[in-house]
Amino acid sequence: MPQKRRPYSHQLARVFRQNTQLEATGAEFLVLGQLLVAGIPAFKSYTNFKGYDLTATNADRKRSVRVQVKSRWRTGAEGFIIQSIDCDFVVVVLLNRGSRDGRAEVRPPEFFVIPAKVARALPRSRTWGKVNFSDFPQLQQYRDRWDLVQRALGMKSPQASRRVGKGRA
């Protein structure tokens, strides 16, 4: 009788991997909404452009920036995966939807607006391109920093003046 072959570890990972495609698309729309609310004209690319998901514009200055959205479904995610950085900003969205076992708390999403130059300098694993949040202690300084996109587009940022008043640059 032939012996049953055991699946390789990468095949096991594929079997148990959660499909978060809908949530990833939702994260792109959440970022699009945040840009629009911040007064930044933006649109989603509906065809898969390699390297970015959204485009933010300033028609008056004839400028645009490309935004790649990376999302993590689980509350308490330890990092994110990014293979290549062919954009101007990477926005990491922590969706904070709990956990598969139901133990983690569901919380509101968090947004981190990271300039591509900063993202490229982050240490990443060779095989997956994973960035661990523990290797990125400055992450919190990029929380809700839509003013960085405004500045890159040559727009006046109402948030920047409020930020300076609170002792943050």
C-alpha atoms as a PDB file:
ATOM      1  CA  MET A   1       0.000   0.000   0.000  1.00  0.00           C
ATOM      2  CA  PRO A   2       1.527   3.375  -0.996  1.00  0.00           C
ATOM      3  CA  GLN A   3       2.415   5.687   1.839  1.00  0.00           C
ATOM      4  CA  LYS A   4       0.416   8.911   2.088  1.00  0.00           C
ATOM      5  CA  ARG A   5       2.553  11.930   1.293  1.00  0.00           C
ATOM      6  CA  ARG A   6       2.562  14.741   3.809  1.00  0.00           C
ATOM      7  CA  PRO A   7       2.004  18.221   2.391  1.00  0.00           C
ATOM      8  CA  TYR A   8       4.956  20.576   2.436  1.00  0.00           C
ATOM      9  CA  SER A   9       4.826  23.425   4.945  1.00  0.00           C
ATOM     10  CA  HIS A  10       4.161  26.030   2.215  1.00  0.00           C
ATOM     11  CA  GLN A  11       1.144  23.969   1.091  1.00  0.00           C
ATOM     12  CA  LEU A  12      -0.173  23.861   4.645  1.00  0.00           C
ATOM     13  CA  ALA A  13       0.160  27.617   4.935  1.00  0.00           C
ATOM     14  CA  ARG A  14      -1.882  28.019   1.778  1.00  0.00           C
ATOM     15  CA  VAL A  15      -4.662  25.803   3.141  1.00  0.00           C
ATOM     16  CA  PHE A  16      -5.054  27.750   6.399  1.00  0.00           C
ATOM     17  CA  ARG A  17      -4.442  31.251   5.056  1.00  0.00           C
ATOM     18  CA  GLN A  18      -7.386  33.565   5.542  1.00  0.00           C
ATOM     19  CA  ASN A  19      -8.773  35.276   2.442  1.00  0.00           C
ATOM     20  CA  THR A  20      -8.786  39.005   3.219  1.00  0.00           C
ATOM     21  CA  GLN A  21      -9.245  40.331  -0.342  1.00  0.00           C
ATOM     22  CA  LEU A  22     -12.494  42.138   0.511  1.00  0.00           C
ATOM     23  CA  GLU A  23     -10.925  43.727   3.565  1.00  0.00           C
ATOM     24  CA  ALA A  24      -7.872  44.822   1.541  1.00  0.00           C
ATOM     25  CA  THR A  25     -10.136  46.505  -1.013  1.00  0.00           C
ATOM     26  CA  GLY A  26     -12.056  48.085   1.865  1.00  0.00           C
ATOM     27  CA  ALA A  27      -8.776  49.440   3.254  1.00  0.00           C
ATOM     28  CA  GLU A  28      -8.058  51.117  -0.093  1.00  0.00           C
ATOM     29  CA  PHE A  29     -11.452  52.819   0.042  1.00  0.00           C
ATOM     30  CA  LEU A  30     -10.860  53.839   3.677  1.00  0.00           C
ATOM     31  CA  VAL A  31      -7.593  55.532   2.654  1.00  0.00           C
ATOM     32  CA  LEU A  32      -9.325  57.153  -0.319  1.00  0.00           C
ATOM     33  CA  GLY A  33     -11.949  58.529   2.065  1.00  0.00           C
ATOM     34  CA  GLN A  34      -9.307  59.832   4.480  1.00  0.00           C
ATOM     35  CA  LEU A  35      -7.532  61.647   1.636  1.00  0.00           C
ATOM     36  CA  LEU A  36     -10.781  63.223   0.428  1.00  0.00           C
ATOM     37  CA  VAL A  37     -11.774  64.297   3.954  1.00  0.00           C
ATOM     38  CA  ALA A  38      -8.324  65.909   4.333  1.00  0.00           C
ATOM     39  CA  GLY A  39      -9.108  67.976   1.199  1.00  0.00           C
ATOM     40  CA  ILE A  40      -6.815  65.990  -1.071  1.00  0.00           C
ATOM     41  CA  PRO A  41      -8.327  65.111  -4.473  1.00  0.00           C
ATOM     42  CA  ALA A  42      -7.670  61.408  -5.056  1.00  0.00           C
ATOM     43  CA  PHE A  43      -8.909  58.426  -7.018  1.00  0.00           C
ATOM     44  CA  LYS A  44      -8.616  54.663  -6.915  1.00  0.00           C
ATOM     45  CA  SER A  45      -7.050  52.836  -9.826  1.00  0.00           C
ATOM     46  CA  TYR A  46      -9.490  50.109 -10.801  1.00  0.00           C
ATOM     47  CA  THR A  47      -7.003  48.220 -12.893  1.00  0.00           C
ATOM     48  CA  ASN A  48      -4.079  46.704 -11.074  1.00  0.00           C
ATOM     49  CA  PHE A  49      -1.254  49.181 -11.471  1.00  0.00           C
ATOM     50  CA  LYS A  50       1.900  47.581 -10.178  1.00  0.00           C
ATOM     51  CA  GLY A  51       3.246  49.429  -7.156  1.00  0.00           C
ATOM     52  CA  TYR A  52       0.308  51.659  -6.206  1.00  0.00           C
ATOM     53  CA  ASP A  53      -3.417  51.621  -5.525  1.00  0.00           C
ATOM     54  CA  LEU A  54      -4.437  55.291  -5.333  1.00  0.00           C
ATOM     55  CA  THR A  55      -3.412  58.561  -6.929  1.00  0.00           C
ATOM     56  CA  ALA A  56      -3.651  61.878  -5.091  1.00  0.00           C
ATOM     57  CA  THR A  57      -3.511  65.068  -7.129  1.00  0.00           C
ATOM     58  CA  ASN A  58      -3.167  68.836  -7.075  1.00  0.00           C
ATOM     59  CA  ALA A  59      -4.387  70.033 -10.472  1.00  0.00           C
ATOM     60  CA  ASP A  60      -3.458  73.661  -9.737  1.00  0.00           C
ATOM     61  CA  ARG A  61       0.212  72.707  -9.342  1.00  0.00           C
ATOM     62  CA  LYS A  62       0.090  69.850 -11.883  1.00  0.00           C
ATOM     63  CA  ARG A  63       1.369  67.392  -9.272  1.00  0.00           C
ATOM     64  CA  SER A  64       0.367  63.903  -8.300  1.00  0.00           C
ATOM     65  CA  VAL A  65       1.591  61.235  -5.896  1.00  0.00           C
ATOM     66  CA  ARG A  66       1.082  57.481  -5.993  1.00  0.00           C
ATOM     67  CA  VAL A  67      -0.100  55.735  -2.836  1.00  0.00           C
ATOM     68  CA  GLN A  68       0.304  52.054  -2.057  1.00  0.00           C
ATOM     69  CA  VAL A  69      -2.072  50.710   0.609  1.00  0.00           C
ATOM     70  CA  LYS A  70      -0.972  47.826   2.850  1.00  0.00           C
ATOM     71  CA  SER A  71      -3.522  46.471   5.283  1.00  0.00           C
ATOM     72  CA  ARG A  72      -3.529  44.042   8.181  1.00  0.00           C
ATOM     73  CA  TRP A  73      -6.813  42.458   9.191  1.00  0.00           C
ATOM     74  CA  ARG A  74      -5.961  41.203  12.684  1.00  0.00           C
ATOM     75  CA  THR A  75      -5.905  43.391  15.790  1.00  0.00           C
ATOM     76  CA  GLY A  76      -2.370  43.405  17.165  1.00  0.00           C
ATOM     77  CA  ALA A  77      -0.691  42.615  13.836  1.00  0.00           C
ATOM     78  CA  GLU A  78       3.084  42.444  14.149  1.00  0.00           C
ATOM     79  CA  GLY A  79       3.993  43.886  10.755  1.00  0.00           C
ATOM     80  CA  PHE A  80       3.111  44.087   7.087  1.00  0.00           C
ATOM     81  CA  ILE A  81       4.385  42.585   3.856  1.00  0.00           C
ATOM     82  CA  ILE A  82       5.641  44.755   1.022  1.00  0.00           C
ATOM     83  CA  GLN A  83       7.570  43.307  -1.903  1.00  0.00           C
ATOM     84  CA  SER A  84       8.431  46.442  -3.856  1.00  0.00           C
ATOM     85  CA  ILE A  85       8.015  50.136  -3.236  1.00  0.00           C
ATOM     86  CA  ASP A  86       7.235  51.846  -6.525  1.00  0.00           C
ATOM     87  CA  CYS A  87       5.179  54.721  -5.167  1.00  0.00           C
ATOM     88  CA  ASP A  88       5.506  57.989  -3.271  1.00  0.00           C
ATOM     89  CA  PHE A  89       3.726  56.955  -0.059  1.00  0.00           C
ATOM     90  CA  VAL A  90       2.884  53.694   1.662  1.00  0.00           C
ATOM     91  CA  VAL A  91      -0.204  53.877   3.857  1.00  0.00           C
ATOM     92  CA  VAL A  92      -0.402  51.046   6.369  1.00  0.00           C
ATOM     93  CA  VAL A  93      -3.950  50.419   7.532  1.00  0.00           C
ATOM     94  CA  LEU A  94      -4.421  48.375  10.686  1.00  0.00           C
ATOM     95  CA  LEU A  95      -8.025  47.276  10.281  1.00  0.00           C
ATOM     96  CA  ASN A  96      -8.125  45.858  13.848  1.00  0.00           C
ATOM     97  CA  ARG A  97     -10.946  43.395  13.088  1.00  0.00           C
ATOM     98  CA  GLY A  98     -10.154  41.086  16.013  1.00  0.00           C
ATOM     99  CA  SER A  99      -8.706  37.609  15.490  1.00  0.00           C
ATOM    100  CA  ARG A 100      -9.854  34.344  13.983  1.00  0.00           C
ATOM    101  CA  ASP A 101     -10.170  32.775  17.437  1.00  0.00           C
ATOM    102  CA  GLY A 102     -12.340  35.691  18.627  1.00  0.00           C
ATOM    103  CA  ARG A 103     -10.057  36.642  21.528  1.00  0.00           C
ATOM    104  CA  ALA A 104      -8.694  39.938  20.198  1.00  0.00           C
ATOM    105  CA  GLU A 105     -10.749  43.097  20.536  1.00  0.00           C
ATOM    106  CA  VAL A 106     -12.270  44.774  17.471  1.00  0.00           C
ATOM    107  CA  ARG A 107     -11.131  48.409  17.367  1.00  0.00           C
ATOM    108  CA  PRO A 108     -11.317  51.319  14.905  1.00  0.00           C
ATOM    109  CA  PRO A 109      -8.823  51.290  12.021  1.00  0.00           C
ATOM    110  CA  GLU A 110      -5.475  53.069  12.343  1.00  0.00           C
ATOM    111  CA  PHE A 111      -3.659  54.794   9.468  1.00  0.00           C
ATOM    112  CA  PHE A 112       0.090  55.356   9.068  1.00  0.00           C
ATOM    113  CA  VAL A 113       1.223  57.561   6.168  1.00  0.00           C
ATOM    114  CA  ILE A 114       4.836  56.639   5.420  1.00  0.00           C
ATOM    115  CA  PRO A 115       6.926  58.395   2.752  1.00  0.00           C
ATOM    116  CA  ALA A 116       8.408  55.897   0.277  1.00  0.00           C
ATOM    117  CA  LYS A 117      11.938  57.004   1.159  1.00  0.00           C
ATOM    118  CA  VAL A 118      11.322  55.979   4.782  1.00  0.00           C
ATOM    119  CA  ALA A 119       9.605  52.727   3.748  1.00  0.00           C
ATOM    120  CA  ARG A 120      12.516  51.728   1.485  1.00  0.00           C
ATOM    121  CA  ALA A 121      14.951  52.113   4.398  1.00  0.00           C
ATOM    122  CA  LEU A 122      12.985  49.750   6.674  1.00  0.00           C
ATOM    123  CA  PRO A 123      14.496  46.334   7.339  1.00  0.00           C
ATOM    124  CA  ARG A 124      12.515  43.635   5.517  1.00  0.00           C
ATOM    125  CA  SER A 125      12.754  39.859   5.456  1.00  0.00           C
ATOM    126  CA  ARG A 126      14.368  38.565   2.272  1.00  0.00           C
ATOM    127  CA  THR A 127      11.753  36.027   1.280  1.00  0.00           C
ATOM    128  CA  TRP A 128       8.456  37.703   2.181  1.00  0.00           C
ATOM    129  CA  GLY A 129       9.467  41.356   2.377  1.00  0.00           C
ATOM    130  CA  LYS A 130       7.909  41.550   5.841  1.00  0.00           C
ATOM    131  CA  VAL A 131       8.437  44.678   7.920  1.00  0.00           C
ATOM    132  CA  ASN A 132       8.096  44.046  11.656  1.00  0.00           C
ATOM    133  CA  PHE A 133       6.621  46.926  13.630  1.00  0.00           C
ATOM    134  CA  SER A 134       9.148  46.198  16.381  1.00  0.00           C
ATOM    135  CA  ASP A 135      11.905  47.140  13.872  1.00  0.00           C
ATOM    136  CA  PHE A 136      10.141  50.450  13.154  1.00  0.00           C
ATOM    137  CA  PRO A 137      10.024  52.376  16.460  1.00  0.00           C
ATOM    138  CA  GLN A 138       9.159  55.652  14.671  1.00  0.00           C
ATOM    139  CA  LEU A 139       5.884  54.208  13.322  1.00  0.00           C
ATOM    140  CA  GLN A 140       3.685  56.284  15.658  1.00  0.00           C
ATOM    141  CA  GLN A 141       5.043  59.563  14.270  1.00  0.00           C
ATOM    142  CA  TYR A 142       3.387  58.668  10.932  1.00  0.00           C
ATOM    143  CA  ARG A 143      -0.103  58.101  12.409  1.00  0.00           C
ATOM    144  CA  ASP A 144      -2.712  60.079  10.423  1.00  0.00           C
ATOM    145  CA  ARG A 145      -0.031  62.195   8.718  1.00  0.00           C
ATOM    146  CA  TRP A 146      -2.126  63.179   5.706  1.00  0.00           C
ATOM    147  CA  ASP A 147      -0.330  66.537   5.843  1.00  0.00           C
ATOM    148  CA  LEU A 148       2.742  64.785   4.378  1.00  0.00           C
ATOM    149  CA  VAL A 149       0.730  64.040   1.225  1.00  0.00           C
ATOM    150  CA  GLN A 150      -0.578  67.608   1.161  1.00  0.00           C
ATOM    151  CA  ARG A 151       2.968  68.939   1.433  1.00  0.00           C
ATOM    152  CA  ALA A 152       4.211  66.649  -1.373  1.00  0.00           C
ATOM    153  CA  LEU A 153       1.428  67.999  -3.572  1.00  0.00           C
ATOM    154  CA  GLY A 154       2.285  71.621  -2.707  1.00  0.00           C
ATOM    155  CA  MET A 155      -0.968  72.152  -0.806  1.00  0.00           C
ATOM    156  CA  LYS A 156      -1.368  74.205   2.346  1.00  0.00           C
ATOM    157  CA  SER A 157      -1.984  71.892   5.247  1.00  0.00           C
ATOM    158  CA  PRO A 158      -4.432  73.042   7.925  1.00  0.00           C
ATOM    159  CA  GLN A 159      -3.239  70.124  10.099  1.00  0.00           C
ATOM    160  CA  ALA A 160       0.382  71.305  10.023  1.00  0.00           C
ATOM    161  CA  SER A 161      -0.441  74.595  11.745  1.00  0.00           C
ATOM    162  CA  ARG A 162      -2.451  72.778  14.433  1.00  0.00           C
ATOM    163  CA  ARG A 163       0.370  70.243  14.875  1.00  0.00           C
ATOM    164  CA  VAL A 164       2.980  72.951  15.478  1.00  0.00           C
ATOM    165  CA  GLY A 165       0.748  74.479  18.182  1.00  0.00           C
ATOM    166  CA  LYS A 166       0.805  71.122  19.986  1.00  0.00           C
ATOM    167  CA  GLY A 167       4.583  70.925  19.962  1.00  0.00           C
ATOM    168  CA  ARG A 168       4.818  68.451  17.074  1.00  0.00           C
ATOM    169  CA  ALA A 169       6.432  69.185  13.745  1.00  0.00           C
END
